[in-house]
Full PDB file with SEQRES, HELIX, SHEET, SSBOND, CRYST1, ORIGX, SCALE, CONECT and MASTER records, all heavy atoms in Angstrom:
SEQRES   1 A   37  ILE LEU ASP GLY LEU GLU ASN LEU MET THR PRO GLY GLU          
SEQRES   2 A   37  LEU ALA GLY LYS TYR ARG GLU ALA TYR GLN ASP TYR ALA          
SEQRES   3 A   37  LEU LEU PHE LYS THR ILE GLY THR THR LYS HIS                  
HELIX    1 AA1 LEU A    5  LEU A    8  5                                   4    
HELIX    2 AA2 GLU A   20  TYR A   22  5                                   3    
HELIX    3 AA3 ASP A   24  THR A   34  1                                  11    
CRYST1    1.000    1.000    1.000  90.00  90.00  90.00 P 1           1          
ORIGX1      1.000000  0.000000  0.000000        0.00000                         
ORIGX2      0.000000  1.000000  0.000000        0.00000                         
ORIGX3      0.000000  0.000000  1.000000        0.00000                         
SCALE1      1.000000  0.000000  0.000000        0.00000                         
SCALE2      0.000000  1.000000  0.000000        0.00000                         
SCALE3      0.000000  0.000000  1.000000        0.00000                         
ATOM      1  N   ILE A   1      57.308-121.532 -67.686  1.00  0.00           N  
ATOM      2  CA  ILE A   1      58.369-120.809 -68.404  1.00  0.00           C  
ATOM      3  C   ILE A   1      57.884-119.398 -68.683  1.00  0.00           C  
ATOM      4  O   ILE A   1      56.805-119.199 -69.273  1.00  0.00           O  
ATOM      5  CB  ILE A   1      58.734-121.516 -69.731  1.00  0.00           C  
ATOM      6  CG1 ILE A   1      59.252-122.932 -69.458  1.00  0.00           C  
ATOM      7  CG2 ILE A   1      59.813-120.722 -70.463  1.00  0.00           C  
ATOM      8  CD1 ILE A   1      58.201-123.998 -69.599  1.00  0.00           C  
ATOM      9  N   LEU A   2      58.695-118.411 -68.267  1.00  0.00           N  
ATOM     10  CA  LEU A   2      58.419-117.007 -68.553  1.00  0.00           C  
ATOM     11  C   LEU A   2      59.534-116.509 -69.463  1.00  0.00           C  
ATOM     12  O   LEU A   2      60.699-116.417 -69.053  1.00  0.00           O  
ATOM     13  CB  LEU A   2      58.355-116.200 -67.250  1.00  0.00           C  
ATOM     14  CG  LEU A   2      57.314-116.648 -66.236  1.00  0.00           C  
ATOM     15  CD1 LEU A   2      57.387-115.808 -64.964  1.00  0.00           C  
ATOM     16  CD2 LEU A   2      55.896-116.581 -66.832  1.00  0.00           C  
ATOM     17  N   ASP A   3      59.183-116.150 -70.686  1.00  0.00           N  
ATOM     18  CA  ASP A   3      60.172-115.867 -71.729  1.00  0.00           C  
ATOM     19  C   ASP A   3      60.249-114.371 -72.010  1.00  0.00           C  
ATOM     20  O   ASP A   3      59.253-113.756 -72.408  1.00  0.00           O  
ATOM     21  CB  ASP A   3      59.771-116.619 -73.008  1.00  0.00           C  
ATOM     22  CG  ASP A   3      60.798-116.510 -74.098  1.00  0.00           C  
ATOM     23  OD1 ASP A   3      62.002-116.389 -73.781  1.00  0.00           O  
ATOM     24  OD2 ASP A   3      60.431-116.556 -75.292  1.00  0.00           O  
ATOM     25  N   GLY A   4      61.449-113.783 -71.824  1.00  0.00           N  
ATOM     26  CA  GLY A   4      61.671-112.378 -72.206  1.00  0.00           C  
ATOM     27  C   GLY A   4      61.466-111.383 -71.089  1.00  0.00           C  
ATOM     28  O   GLY A   4      60.811-110.352 -71.258  1.00  0.00           O  
ATOM     29  N   LEU A   5      62.079-111.631 -69.927  1.00  0.00           N  
ATOM     30  CA  LEU A   5      61.913-110.759 -68.782  1.00  0.00           C  
ATOM     31  C   LEU A   5      62.435-109.345 -69.047  1.00  0.00           C  
ATOM     32  O   LEU A   5      61.969-108.382 -68.463  1.00  0.00           O  
ATOM     33  CB  LEU A   5      62.636-111.363 -67.554  1.00  0.00           C  
ATOM     34  CG  LEU A   5      62.514-110.612 -66.237  1.00  0.00           C  
ATOM     35  CD1 LEU A   5      61.054-110.551 -65.777  1.00  0.00           C  
ATOM     36  CD2 LEU A   5      63.384-111.258 -65.167  1.00  0.00           C  
ATOM     37  N   GLU A   6      63.407-109.211 -69.998  1.00  0.00           N  
ATOM     38  CA  GLU A   6      63.991-107.894 -70.270  1.00  0.00           C  
ATOM     39  C   GLU A   6      62.949-106.902 -70.751  1.00  0.00           C  
ATOM     40  O   GLU A   6      63.157-105.660 -70.643  1.00  0.00           O  
ATOM     41  CB  GLU A   6      65.093-107.999 -71.299  1.00  0.00           C  
ATOM     42  CG  GLU A   6      64.664-108.296 -72.736  1.00  0.00           C  
ATOM     43  CD  GLU A   6      64.401-109.736 -73.014  1.00  0.00           C  
ATOM     44  OE1 GLU A   6      64.605-110.577 -72.108  1.00  0.00           O  
ATOM     45  OE2 GLU A   6      64.006-110.073 -74.148  1.00  0.00           O  
ATOM     46  N   ASN A   7      61.812-107.366 -71.265  1.00  0.00           N  
ATOM     47  CA  ASN A   7      60.770-106.459 -71.750  1.00  0.00           C  
ATOM     48  C   ASN A   7      60.180-105.611 -70.601  1.00  0.00           C  
ATOM     49  O   ASN A   7      59.541-104.579 -70.880  1.00  0.00           O  
ATOM     50  CB  ASN A   7      59.656-107.255 -72.414  1.00  0.00           C  
ATOM     51  CG  ASN A   7      60.089-107.867 -73.719  1.00  0.00           C  
ATOM     52  OD1 ASN A   7      60.283-107.175 -74.700  1.00  0.00           O  
ATOM     53  ND2 ASN A   7      60.265-109.187 -73.727  1.00  0.00           N  
ATOM     54  N   LEU A   8      60.373-106.029 -69.369  1.00  0.00           N  
ATOM     55  CA  LEU A   8      59.805-105.314 -68.226  1.00  0.00           C  
ATOM     56  C   LEU A   8      60.801-104.368 -67.569  1.00  0.00           C  
ATOM     57  O   LEU A   8      60.475-103.687 -66.614  1.00  0.00           O  
ATOM     58  CB  LEU A   8      59.328-106.324 -67.177  1.00  0.00           C  
ATOM     59  CG  LEU A   8      58.438-107.467 -67.676  1.00  0.00           C  
ATOM     60  CD1 LEU A   8      58.062-108.397 -66.544  1.00  0.00           C  
ATOM     61  CD2 LEU A   8      57.186-106.930 -68.369  1.00  0.00           C  
ATOM     62  N   MET A   9      62.039-104.338 -68.110  1.00  0.00           N  
ATOM     63  CA  MET A   9      63.109-103.579 -67.465  1.00  0.00           C  
ATOM     64  C   MET A   9      63.125-102.114 -67.947  1.00  0.00           C  
ATOM     65  O   MET A   9      62.709-101.790 -69.062  1.00  0.00           O  
ATOM     66  CB  MET A   9      64.464-104.211 -67.746  1.00  0.00           C  
ATOM     67  CG  MET A   9      64.581-105.643 -67.277  1.00  0.00           C  
ATOM     68  SD  MET A   9      64.471-105.765 -65.480  1.00  0.00           S  
ATOM     69  CE  MET A   9      64.666-107.528 -65.261  1.00  0.00           C  
ATOM     70  N   THR A  10      63.671-101.257 -67.079  1.00  0.00           N  
ATOM     71  CA  THR A  10      63.757 -99.823 -67.379  1.00  0.00           C  
ATOM     72  C   THR A  10      64.895 -99.555 -68.355  1.00  0.00           C  
ATOM     73  O   THR A  10      66.042 -99.895 -68.052  1.00  0.00           O  
ATOM     74  CB  THR A  10      63.991 -99.018 -66.104  1.00  0.00           C  
ATOM     75  OG1 THR A  10      62.938 -99.303 -65.184  1.00  0.00           O  
ATOM     76  CG2 THR A  10      64.026 -97.519 -66.383  1.00  0.00           C  
ATOM     77  N   PRO A  11      64.629 -98.924 -69.512  1.00  0.00           N  
ATOM     78  CA  PRO A  11      65.727 -98.549 -70.416  1.00  0.00           C  
ATOM     79  C   PRO A  11      66.452 -97.297 -69.898  1.00  0.00           C  
ATOM     80  O   PRO A  11      65.875 -96.509 -69.130  1.00  0.00           O  
ATOM     81  CB  PRO A  11      64.995 -98.254 -71.738  1.00  0.00           C  
ATOM     82  CG  PRO A  11      63.618 -97.820 -71.302  1.00  0.00           C  
ATOM     83  CD  PRO A  11      63.311 -98.594 -70.060  1.00  0.00           C  
ATOM     84  N   GLY A  12      67.690 -97.139 -70.279  1.00  0.00           N  
ATOM     85  CA  GLY A  12      68.439 -95.942 -69.930  1.00  0.00           C  
ATOM     86  C   GLY A  12      69.016 -95.965 -68.518  1.00  0.00           C  
ATOM     87  O   GLY A  12      69.570 -94.967 -68.075  1.00  0.00           O  
ATOM     88  N   GLU A  13      68.886 -97.085 -67.807  1.00  0.00           N  
ATOM     89  CA  GLU A  13      69.451 -97.222 -66.474  1.00  0.00           C  
ATOM     90  C   GLU A  13      70.262 -98.508 -66.402  1.00  0.00           C  
ATOM     91  O   GLU A  13      70.257 -99.310 -67.337  1.00  0.00           O  
ATOM     92  CB  GLU A  13      68.327 -97.213 -65.415  1.00  0.00           C  
ATOM     93  CG  GLU A  13      67.554 -95.910 -65.373  1.00  0.00           C  
ATOM     94  CD  GLU A  13      66.683 -95.817 -64.114  1.00  0.00           C  
ATOM     95  OE1 GLU A  13      67.004 -96.490 -63.126  1.00  0.00           O  
ATOM     96  OE2 GLU A  13      65.689 -95.085 -64.169  1.00  0.00           O  
ATOM     97  N   LEU A  14      70.959 -98.681 -65.273  1.00  0.00           N  
ATOM     98  CA  LEU A  14      71.742 -99.904 -65.104  1.00  0.00           C  
ATOM     99  C   LEU A  14      70.841-101.121 -65.153  1.00  0.00           C  
ATOM    100  O   LEU A  14      69.646-101.036 -64.866  1.00  0.00           O  
ATOM    101  CB  LEU A  14      72.530 -99.860 -63.800  1.00  0.00           C  
ATOM    102  CG  LEU A  14      73.576 -98.745 -63.675  1.00  0.00           C  
ATOM    103  CD1 LEU A  14      74.265 -98.827 -62.343  1.00  0.00           C  
ATOM    104  CD2 LEU A  14      74.591 -98.801 -64.810  1.00  0.00           C  
ATOM    105  N   ALA A  15      71.408-102.270 -65.504  1.00  0.00           N  
ATOM    106  CA  ALA A  15      70.620-103.487 -65.714  1.00  0.00           C  
ATOM    107  C   ALA A  15      69.857-103.917 -64.484  1.00  0.00           C  
ATOM    108  O   ALA A  15      70.282-103.718 -63.356  1.00  0.00           O  
ATOM    109  CB  ALA A  15      71.557-104.603 -66.168  1.00  0.00           C  
ATOM    110  N   GLY A  16      68.701-104.518 -64.746  1.00  0.00           N  
ATOM    111  CA  GLY A  16      67.988-105.220 -63.697  1.00  0.00           C  
ATOM    112  C   GLY A  16      66.926-104.466 -62.948  1.00  0.00           C  
ATOM    113  O   GLY A  16      66.320-105.004 -62.022  1.00  0.00           O  
ATOM    114  N   LYS A  17      66.619-103.219 -63.340  1.00  0.00           N  
ATOM    115  CA  LYS A  17      65.613-102.433 -62.637  1.00  0.00           C  
ATOM    116  C   LYS A  17      64.300-102.458 -63.427  1.00  0.00           C  
ATOM    117  O   LYS A  17      64.261-102.123 -64.621  1.00  0.00           O  
ATOM    118  CB  LYS A  17      66.066-101.002 -62.468  1.00  0.00           C  
ATOM    119  CG  LYS A  17      65.076-100.120 -61.715  1.00  0.00           C  
ATOM    120  CD  LYS A  17      65.574 -98.683 -61.555  1.00  0.00           C  
ATOM    121  CE  LYS A  17      64.550 -97.821 -60.816  1.00  0.00           C  
ATOM    122  NZ  LYS A  17      65.024 -96.414 -60.693  1.00  0.00           N  
ATOM    123  N   TYR A  18      63.219-102.822 -62.760  1.00  0.00           N  
ATOM    124  CA  TYR A  18      61.920-102.900 -63.425  1.00  0.00           C  
ATOM    125  C   TYR A  18      61.347-101.521 -63.671  1.00  0.00           C  
ATOM    126  O   TYR A  18      61.570-100.594 -62.893  1.00  0.00           O  
ATOM    127  CB  TYR A  18      60.929-103.704 -62.571  1.00  0.00           C  
ATOM    128  CG  TYR A  18      61.309-105.162 -62.418  1.00  0.00           C  
ATOM    129  CD1 TYR A  18      61.805-105.639 -61.227  1.00  0.00           C  
ATOM    130  CD2 TYR A  18      61.134-106.049 -63.479  1.00  0.00           C  
ATOM    131  CE1 TYR A  18      62.141-106.969 -61.068  1.00  0.00           C  
ATOM    132  CE2 TYR A  18      61.477-107.376 -63.346  1.00  0.00           C  
ATOM    133  CZ  TYR A  18      61.989-107.848 -62.142  1.00  0.00           C  
ATOM    134  OH  TYR A  18      62.320-109.167 -62.000  1.00  0.00           O  
ATOM    135  N   ARG A  19      60.597-101.405 -64.787  1.00  0.00           N  
ATOM    136  CA  ARG A  19      59.846-100.185 -65.014  1.00  0.00           C  
ATOM    137  C   ARG A  19      58.796-100.043 -63.929  1.00  0.00           C  
ATOM    138  O   ARG A  19      58.426-101.014 -63.239  1.00  0.00           O  
ATOM    139  CB  ARG A  19      59.183-100.274 -66.399  1.00  0.00           C  
ATOM    140  CG  ARG A  19      60.176-100.151 -67.531  1.00  0.00           C  
ATOM    141  CD  ARG A  19      59.755-100.890 -68.788  1.00  0.00           C  
ATOM    142  NE  ARG A  19      58.456-100.497 -69.274  1.00  0.00           N  
ATOM    143  CZ  ARG A  19      57.846-101.114 -70.291  1.00  0.00           C  
ATOM    144  NH1 ARG A  19      58.413-102.163 -70.882  1.00  0.00           N  
ATOM    145  NH2 ARG A  19      56.667-100.689 -70.709  1.00  0.00           N  
ATOM    146  N   GLU A  20      58.317 -98.828 -63.731  1.00  0.00           N  
ATOM    147  CA  GLU A  20      57.480 -98.503 -62.569  1.00  0.00           C  
ATOM    148  C   GLU A  20      56.261 -99.408 -62.459  1.00  0.00           C  
ATOM    149  O   GLU A  20      55.910 -99.840 -61.365  1.00  0.00           O  
ATOM    150  CB  GLU A  20      57.041 -97.025 -62.649  1.00  0.00           C  
ATOM    151  CG  GLU A  20      56.249 -96.567 -61.440  1.00  0.00           C  
ATOM    152  CD  GLU A  20      55.961 -95.082 -61.467  1.00  0.00           C  
ATOM    153  OE1 GLU A  20      56.491 -94.379 -62.373  1.00  0.00           O  
ATOM    154  OE2 GLU A  20      55.210 -94.619 -60.581  1.00  0.00           O  
ATOM    155  N   ALA A  21      55.640 -99.726 -63.566  1.00  0.00           N  
ATOM    156  CA  ALA A  21      54.414-100.518 -63.529  1.00  0.00           C  
ATOM    157  C   ALA A  21      54.664-101.996 -63.248  1.00  0.00           C  
ATOM    158  O   ALA A  21      53.723-102.766 -63.046  1.00  0.00           O  
ATOM    159  CB  ALA A  21      53.640-100.370 -64.855  1.00  0.00           C  
ATOM    160  N   TYR A  22      55.955-102.391 -63.224  1.00  0.00           N  
ATOM    161  CA  TYR A  22      56.258-103.821 -63.123  1.00  0.00           C  
ATOM    162  C   TYR A  22      57.139-104.155 -61.916  1.00  0.00           C  
ATOM    163  O   TYR A  22      57.703-105.246 -61.841  1.00  0.00           O  
ATOM    164  CB  TYR A  22      56.943-104.285 -64.419  1.00  0.00           C  
ATOM    165  CG  TYR A  22      56.116-103.961 -65.635  1.00  0.00           C  
ATOM    166  CD1 TYR A  22      56.438-102.869 -66.447  1.00  0.00           C  
ATOM    167  CD2 TYR A  22      55.000-104.731 -65.966  1.00  0.00           C  
ATOM    168  CE1 TYR A  22      55.651-102.555 -67.537  1.00  0.00           C  
ATOM    169  CE2 TYR A  22      54.210-104.408 -67.045  1.00  0.00           C  
ATOM    170  CZ  TYR A  22      54.546-103.314 -67.839  1.00  0.00           C  
ATOM    171  OH  TYR A  22      53.756-103.009 -68.896  1.00  0.00           O  
ATOM    172  N   GLN A  23      57.230-103.222 -60.967  1.00  0.00           N  
ATOM    173  CA  GLN A  23      58.112-103.467 -59.810  1.00  0.00           C  
ATOM    174  C   GLN A  23      57.627-104.596 -58.923  1.00  0.00           C  
ATOM    175  O   GLN A  23      58.414-105.148 -58.150  1.00  0.00           O  
ATOM    176  CB  GLN A  23      58.263-102.161 -59.020  1.00  0.00           C  
ATOM    177  CG  GLN A  23      59.026-101.084 -59.825  1.00  0.00           C  
ATOM    178  CD  GLN A  23      59.133 -99.763 -59.059  1.00  0.00           C  
ATOM    179  OE1 GLN A  23      58.741 -99.670 -57.895  1.00  0.00           O  
ATOM    180  NE2 GLN A  23      59.627 -98.740 -59.746  1.00  0.00           N  
ATOM    181  N   ASP A  24      56.354-104.973 -59.033  1.00  0.00           N  
ATOM    182  CA  ASP A  24      55.836-106.095 -58.249  1.00  0.00           C  
ATOM    183  C   ASP A  24      56.466-107.416 -58.667  1.00  0.00           C  
ATOM    184  O   ASP A  24      56.357-108.407 -57.905  1.00  0.00           O  
ATOM    185  CB  ASP A  24      54.310-106.195 -58.383  1.00  0.00           C  
ATOM    186  CG  ASP A  24      53.591-105.077 -57.646  1.00  0.00           C  
ATOM    187  OD1 ASP A  24      54.250-104.402 -56.820  1.00  0.00           O  
ATOM    188  OD2 ASP A  24      52.391-104.872 -57.879  1.00  0.00           O  
ATOM    189  N   TYR A  25      57.115-107.445 -59.833  1.00  0.00           N  
ATOM    190  CA  TYR A  25      57.777-108.693 -60.248  1.00  0.00           C  
ATOM    191  C   TYR A  25      58.909-109.062 -59.296  1.00  0.00           C  
ATOM    192  O   TYR A  25      59.211-110.249 -59.105  1.00  0.00           O  
ATOM    193  CB  TYR A  25      58.337-108.554 -61.662  1.00  0.00           C  
ATOM    194  CG  TYR A  25      57.320-108.915 -62.730  1.00  0.00           C  
ATOM    195  CD1 TYR A  25      56.434-107.947 -63.211  1.00  0.00           C  
ATOM    196  CD2 TYR A  25      57.248-110.203 -63.242  1.00  0.00           C  
ATOM    197  CE1 TYR A  25      55.497-108.282 -64.191  1.00  0.00           C  
ATOM    198  CE2 TYR A  25      56.322-110.532 -64.223  1.00  0.00           C  
ATOM    199  CZ  TYR A  25      55.432-109.585 -64.683  1.00  0.00           C  
ATOM    200  OH  TYR A  25      54.508-109.914 -65.634  1.00  0.00           O  
ATOM    201  N   ALA A  26      59.553-108.072 -58.651  1.00  0.00           N  
ATOM    202  CA  ALA A  26      60.615-108.366 -57.713  1.00  0.00           C  
ATOM    203  C   ALA A  26      60.050-109.201 -56.547  1.00  0.00           C  
ATOM    204  O   ALA A  26      60.653-110.184 -56.126  1.00  0.00           O  
ATOM    205  CB  ALA A  26      61.250-107.079 -57.195  1.00  0.00           C  
ATOM    206  N   LEU A  27      58.902-108.796 -56.030  1.00  0.00           N  
ATOM    207  CA  LEU A  27      58.256-109.534 -54.942  1.00  0.00           C  
ATOM    208  C   LEU A  27      57.796-110.907 -55.429  1.00  0.00           C  
ATOM    209  O   LEU A  27      57.937-111.909 -54.703  1.00  0.00           O  
ATOM    210  CB  LEU A  27      57.063-108.756 -54.398  1.00  0.00           C  
ATOM    211  CG  LEU A  27      56.234-109.476 -53.303  1.00  0.00           C  
ATOM    212  CD1 LEU A  27      57.106-109.792 -52.116  1.00  0.00           C  
ATOM    213  CD2 LEU A  27      55.037-108.622 -52.918  1.00  0.00           C  
ATOM    214  N   LEU A  28      57.262-110.976 -56.641  1.00  0.00           N  
ATOM    215  CA  LEU A  28      56.805-112.258 -57.188  1.00  0.00           C  
ATOM    216  C   LEU A  28      57.940-113.257 -57.236  1.00  0.00           C  
ATOM    217  O   LEU A  28      57.810-114.400 -56.749  1.00  0.00           O  
ATOM    218  CB  LEU A  28      56.237-112.031 -58.593  1.00  0.00           C  
ATOM    219  CG  LEU A  28      55.893-113.297 -59.366  1.00  0.00           C  
ATOM    220  CD1 LEU A  28      54.748-114.068 -58.695  1.00  0.00           C  
ATOM    221  CD2 LEU A  28      55.533-112.972 -60.827  1.00  0.00           C  
ATOM    222  N   PHE A  29      59.090-112.859 -57.793  1.00  0.00           N  
ATOM    223  CA  PHE A  29      60.202-113.807 -57.913  1.00  0.00           C  
ATOM    224  C   PHE A  29      60.853-114.115 -56.564  1.00  0.00           C  
ATOM    225  O   PHE A  29      61.317-115.237 -56.343  1.00  0.00           O  
ATOM    226  CB  PHE A  29      61.234-113.265 -58.906  1.00  0.00           C  
ATOM    227  CG  PHE A  29      60.725-113.201 -60.321  1.00  0.00           C  
ATOM    228  CD1 PHE A  29      60.970-112.089 -61.121  1.00  0.00           C  
ATOM    229  CD2 PHE A  29      59.975-114.241 -60.848  1.00  0.00           C  
ATOM    230  CE1 PHE A  29      60.498-112.034 -62.417  1.00  0.00           C  
ATOM    231  CE2 PHE A  29      59.499-114.203 -62.151  1.00  0.00           C  
ATOM    232  CZ  PHE A  29      59.744-113.091 -62.931  1.00  0.00           C  
ATOM    233  N   LYS A  30      60.878-113.131 -55.673  1.00  0.00           N  
ATOM    234  CA  LYS A  30      61.408-113.394 -54.330  1.00  0.00           C  
ATOM    235  C   LYS A  30      60.535-114.428 -53.624  1.00  0.00           C  
ATOM    236  O   LYS A  30      61.057-115.359 -52.977  1.00  0.00           O  
ATOM    237  CB  LYS A  30      61.457-112.123 -53.530  1.00  0.00           C  
ATOM    238  CG  LYS A  30      62.031-112.304 -52.130  1.00  0.00           C  
ATOM    239  CD  LYS A  30      62.065-110.995 -51.350  1.00  0.00           C  
ATOM    240  CE  LYS A  30      62.623-111.209 -49.947  1.00  0.00           C  
ATOM    241  NZ  LYS A  30      62.659-109.925 -49.168  1.00  0.00           N  
ATOM    242  N   THR A  31      59.219-114.295 -53.763  1.00  0.00           N  
ATOM    243  CA  THR A  31      58.312-115.239 -53.147  1.00  0.00           C  
ATOM    244  C   THR A  31      58.462-116.614 -53.747  1.00  0.00           C  
ATOM    245  O   THR A  31      58.521-117.644 -53.035  1.00  0.00           O  
ATOM    246  CB  THR A  31      56.859-114.764 -53.308  1.00  0.00           C  
ATOM    247  OG1 THR A  31      56.725-113.451 -52.742  1.00  0.00           O  
ATOM    248  CG2 THR A  31      55.883-115.715 -52.628  1.00  0.00           C  
ATOM    249  N   ILE A  32      58.543-116.695 -55.076  1.00  0.00           N  
ATOM    250  CA  ILE A  32      58.682-117.988 -55.752  1.00  0.00           C  
ATOM    251  C   ILE A  32      60.003-118.652 -55.358  1.00  0.00           C  
ATOM    252  O   ILE A  32      60.067-119.867 -55.166  1.00  0.00           O  
ATOM    253  CB  ILE A  32      58.621-117.803 -57.278  1.00  0.00           C  
ATOM    254  CG1 ILE A  32      57.182-117.442 -57.689  1.00  0.00           C  
ATOM    255  CG2 ILE A  32      59.069-119.066 -58.021  1.00  0.00           C  
ATOM    256  CD1 ILE A  32      57.056-116.974 -59.118  1.00  0.00           C  
ATOM    257  N   GLY A  33      61.055-117.859 -55.205  1.00  0.00           N  
ATOM    258  CA  GLY A  33      62.364-118.417 -54.914  1.00  0.00           C  
ATOM    259  C   GLY A  33      62.543-118.827 -53.467  1.00  0.00           C  
ATOM    260  O   GLY A  33      63.345-119.731 -53.175  1.00  0.00           O  
ATOM    261  N   THR A  34      61.821-118.208 -52.530  1.00  0.00           N  
ATOM    262  CA  THR A  34      62.075-118.436 -51.116  1.00  0.00           C  
ATOM    263  C   THR A  34      60.951-119.177 -50.384  1.00  0.00           C  
ATOM    264  O   THR A  34      61.177-119.662 -49.271  1.00  0.00           O  
ATOM    265  CB  THR A  34      62.324-117.079 -50.405  1.00  0.00           C  
ATOM    266  OG1 THR A  34      61.175-116.253 -50.568  1.00  0.00           O  
ATOM    267  CG2 THR A  34      63.560-116.404 -50.970  1.00  0.00           C  
ATOM    268  N   THR A  35      59.760-119.256 -50.956  1.00  0.00           N  
ATOM    269  CA  THR A  35      58.663-119.965 -50.317  1.00  0.00           C  
ATOM    270  C   THR A  35      58.692-121.430 -50.747  1.00  0.00           C  
ATOM    271  O   THR A  35      58.802-121.729 -51.927  1.00  0.00           O  
ATOM    272  CB  THR A  35      57.313-119.355 -50.729  1.00  0.00           C  
ATOM    273  OG1 THR A  35      57.279-117.967 -50.360  1.00  0.00           O  
ATOM    274  CG2 THR A  35      56.171-120.072 -50.019  1.00  0.00           C  
ATOM    275  N   LYS A  36      58.614-122.341 -49.823  1.00  0.00           N  
ATOM    276  CA  LYS A  36      58.724-123.762 -50.147  1.00  0.00           C  
ATOM    277  C   LYS A  36      57.567-124.214 -51.007  1.00  0.00           C  
ATOM    278  O   LYS A  36      56.389-124.021 -50.672  1.00  0.00           O  
ATOM    279  CB  LYS A  36      58.771-124.580 -48.855  1.00  0.00           C  
ATOM    280  CG  LYS A  36      59.056-126.070 -49.075  1.00  0.00           C  
ATOM    281  CD  LYS A  36      59.235-126.801 -47.776  1.00  0.00           C  
ATOM    282  CE  LYS A  36      59.497-128.278 -47.981  1.00  0.00           C  
ATOM    283  NZ  LYS A  36      60.685-128.512 -48.804  1.00  0.00           N  
ATOM    284  N   HIS A  37      57.889-124.841 -52.138  1.00  0.00           N  
ATOM    285  CA  HIS A  37      56.878-125.448 -53.021  1.00  0.00           C  
ATOM    286  C   HIS A  37      57.573-126.519 -53.863  1.00  0.00           C  
ATOM    287  O   HIS A  37      58.794-126.690 -53.783  1.00  0.00           O  
ATOM    288  CB  HIS A  37      56.187-124.409 -53.889  1.00  0.00           C  
ATOM    289  CG  HIS A  37      57.084-123.583 -54.761  1.00  0.00           C  
ATOM    290  ND1 HIS A  37      57.564-124.023 -55.965  1.00  0.00           N  
ATOM    291  CD2 HIS A  37      57.614-122.330 -54.579  1.00  0.00           C  
ATOM    292  CE1 HIS A  37      58.338-123.081 -56.516  1.00  0.00           C  
ATOM    293  NE2 HIS A  37      58.384-122.046 -55.700  1.00  0.00           N  
TER     294      HIS A  37                                                      
MASTER        0    0    0    3    0    0    0    6  293    1    0    3          
END                                                                             
């Protein structure tokens, strides 16, 4: 369980964009969602 993903998002922009230091989360979740496990 990962609680509070919004803490990594960029303020002042449209929803769902990660702050610069946390953009690797997009790859992390894509891998978790699409790789068989």
